[in-house]
Amino acid sequence: MSTTPPARLRDLRNLGPASERALAAVGIRTPADLDAVGAAAAFRRLADAGTPHLTRTFLWALAGALDDLDWRELPPDLRRRLAVEAGLTG
């Protein structure tokens, strides 16, 4: 039995319509686009575009969406690495 991957960002775990609109505004329109860019780079694009209310939790939500994991299940070492890649340290 094959499972068709989600066609819309809002259909990924952790993401919804508002996330989908924000990502589309920076050129990330499909799950394949997000996968190609990666969570940290997508977050940086959003930050560079001045997207309001960005949090570490949203960064983790993006990463969880790529792996079909609830963002709360991301291991601490992955969270730290993502924060560094997204420029959230300092």
C-alpha atoms as a PDB file:
ATOM      1  CA  MET A   1       0.000   0.000   0.000  1.00  0.00           C
ATOM      2  CA  SER A   2       1.521   3.336  -1.031  1.00  0.00           C
ATOM      3  CA  THR A   3       0.919   6.609   0.709  1.00  0.00           C
ATOM      4  CA  THR A   4       0.727   9.750  -1.374  1.00  0.00           C
ATOM      5  CA  PRO A   5       2.800  12.554   0.133  1.00  0.00           C
ATOM      6  CA  PRO A   6       0.936  15.738   1.076  1.00  0.00           C
ATOM      7  CA  ALA A   7       0.541  18.191  -1.777  1.00  0.00           C
ATOM      8  CA  ARG A   8       0.086  21.240   0.459  1.00  0.00           C
ATOM      9  CA  LEU A   9       2.256  22.600   3.242  1.00  0.00           C
ATOM     10  CA  ARG A  10      -0.781  22.928   5.508  1.00  0.00           C
ATOM     11  CA  ASP A  11      -1.214  19.165   5.322  1.00  0.00           C
ATOM     12  CA  LEU A  12       2.156  18.544   6.960  1.00  0.00           C
ATOM     13  CA  ARG A  13       2.298  17.922  10.686  1.00  0.00           C
ATOM     14  CA  ASN A  14       2.792  21.109  12.749  1.00  0.00           C
ATOM     15  CA  LEU A  15       1.833  23.456   9.893  1.00  0.00           C
ATOM     16  CA  GLY A  16      -1.432  25.135   9.019  1.00  0.00           C
ATOM     17  CA  PRO A  17      -2.824  27.804   6.708  1.00  0.00           C
ATOM     18  CA  ALA A  18      -0.911  30.691   8.329  1.00  0.00           C
ATOM     19  CA  SER A  19       2.373  28.791   8.052  1.00  0.00           C
ATOM     20  CA  GLU A  20       1.587  27.951   4.456  1.00  0.00           C
ATOM     21  CA  ARG A  21       0.944  31.623   3.598  1.00  0.00           C
ATOM     22  CA  ALA A  22       4.141  32.787   5.299  1.00  0.00           C
ATOM     23  CA  LEU A  23       6.239  30.167   3.535  1.00  0.00           C
ATOM     24  CA  ALA A  24       4.637  30.922   0.159  1.00  0.00           C
ATOM     25  CA  ALA A  25       5.583  34.578   0.618  1.00  0.00           C
ATOM     26  CA  VAL A  26       9.260  33.543   0.633  1.00  0.00           C
ATOM     27  CA  GLY A  27       8.965  31.168  -2.313  1.00  0.00           C
ATOM     28  CA  ILE A  28       8.320  27.904  -0.479  1.00  0.00           C
ATOM     29  CA  ARG A  29       5.023  26.674  -1.851  1.00  0.00           C
ATOM     30  CA  THR A  30       5.076  22.881  -1.579  1.00  0.00           C
ATOM     31  CA  PRO A  31       6.359  20.217   0.798  1.00  0.00           C
ATOM     32  CA  ALA A  32       8.991  19.418  -1.837  1.00  0.00           C
ATOM     33  CA  ASP A  33      10.144  23.055  -1.770  1.00  0.00           C
ATOM     34  CA  LEU A  34      10.468  22.930   2.033  1.00  0.00           C
ATOM     35  CA  ASP A  35      12.368  19.652   1.838  1.00  0.00           C
ATOM     36  CA  ALA A  36      14.768  21.085  -0.746  1.00  0.00           C
ATOM     37  CA  VAL A  37      15.425  24.236   1.288  1.00  0.00           C
ATOM     38  CA  GLY A  38      15.451  22.681   4.757  1.00  0.00           C
ATOM     39  CA  ALA A  39      13.944  23.936   7.993  1.00  0.00           C
ATOM     40  CA  ALA A  40      16.763  26.271   9.067  1.00  0.00           C
ATOM     41  CA  ALA A  41      17.119  27.949   5.671  1.00  0.00           C
ATOM     42  CA  ALA A  42      13.344  28.344   5.397  1.00  0.00           C
ATOM     43  CA  PHE A  43      13.319  29.968   8.841  1.00  0.00           C
ATOM     44  CA  ARG A  44      16.141  32.331   7.799  1.00  0.00           C
ATOM     45  CA  ARG A  45      14.179  33.322   4.675  1.00  0.00           C
ATOM     46  CA  LEU A  46      11.176  34.118   6.844  1.00  0.00           C
ATOM     47  CA  ALA A  47      13.316  36.138   9.261  1.00  0.00           C
ATOM     48  CA  ASP A  48      15.035  38.016   6.425  1.00  0.00           C
ATOM     49  CA  ALA A  49      11.605  38.853   4.985  1.00  0.00           C
ATOM     50  CA  GLY A  50      10.550  40.358   8.318  1.00  0.00           C
ATOM     51  CA  THR A  51       7.913  37.754   9.090  1.00  0.00           C
ATOM     52  CA  PRO A  52       6.452  38.685  12.480  1.00  0.00           C
ATOM     53  CA  HIS A  53       6.205  36.383  15.477  1.00  0.00           C
ATOM     54  CA  LEU A  54       8.904  33.904  14.471  1.00  0.00           C
ATOM     55  CA  THR A  55       9.948  31.695  17.349  1.00  0.00           C
ATOM     56  CA  ARG A  56      12.225  28.754  17.937  1.00  0.00           C
ATOM     57  CA  THR A  57       9.081  26.686  18.212  1.00  0.00           C
ATOM     58  CA  PHE A  58       8.218  27.529  14.615  1.00  0.00           C
ATOM     59  CA  LEU A  59      11.709  26.466  13.554  1.00  0.00           C
ATOM     60  CA  TRP A  60      11.167  23.161  15.305  1.00  0.00           C
ATOM     61  CA  ALA A  61       7.706  22.867  13.740  1.00  0.00           C
ATOM     62  CA  LEU A  62       9.292  23.197  10.298  1.00  0.00           C
ATOM     63  CA  ALA A  63      11.830  20.486  11.101  1.00  0.00           C
ATOM     64  CA  GLY A  64       9.141  18.240  12.531  1.00  0.00           C
ATOM     65  CA  ALA A  65       7.008  18.777   9.427  1.00  0.00           C
ATOM     66  CA  LEU A  66       9.812  17.426   7.275  1.00  0.00           C
ATOM     67  CA  ASP A  67      10.137  14.290   9.396  1.00  0.00           C
ATOM     68  CA  ASP A  68       6.425  13.898  10.234  1.00  0.00           C
ATOM     69  CA  LEU A  69       7.174  14.423  13.925  1.00  0.00           C
ATOM     70  CA  ASP A  70       5.433  16.539  16.497  1.00  0.00           C
ATOM     71  CA  TRP A  71       7.824  19.435  17.157  1.00  0.00           C
ATOM     72  CA  ARG A  72       7.932  18.476  20.850  1.00  0.00           C
ATOM     73  CA  GLU A  73       9.512  15.142  19.886  1.00  0.00           C
ATOM     74  CA  LEU A  74      12.635  16.678  18.325  1.00  0.00           C
ATOM     75  CA  PRO A  75      15.724  15.675  20.300  1.00  0.00           C
ATOM     76  CA  PRO A  76      17.522  18.472  22.176  1.00  0.00           C
ATOM     77  CA  ASP A  77      20.709  18.075  20.110  1.00  0.00           C
ATOM     78  CA  LEU A  78      18.730  18.540  16.885  1.00  0.00           C
ATOM     79  CA  ARG A  79      17.030  21.610  18.363  1.00  0.00           C
ATOM     80  CA  ARG A  80      20.418  23.114  19.213  1.00  0.00           C
ATOM     81  CA  ARG A  81      21.810  22.381  15.740  1.00  0.00           C
ATOM     82  CA  LEU A  82      18.765  23.914  14.059  1.00  0.00           C
ATOM     83  CA  ALA A  83      19.049  27.031  16.221  1.00  0.00           C
ATOM     84  CA  VAL A  84      22.684  27.474  15.183  1.00  0.00           C
ATOM     85  CA  GLU A  85      21.862  26.899  11.488  1.00  0.00           C
ATOM     86  CA  ALA A  86      18.985  29.371  11.688  1.00  0.00           C
ATOM     87  CA  GLY A  87      21.168  32.023  13.347  1.00  0.00           C
ATOM     88  CA  LEU A  88      19.313  31.994  16.656  1.00  0.00           C
ATOM     89  CA  THR A  89      22.358  31.701  18.884  1.00  0.00           C
ATOM     90  CA  GLY A  90      24.319  34.453  20.398  1.00  0.00           C
END
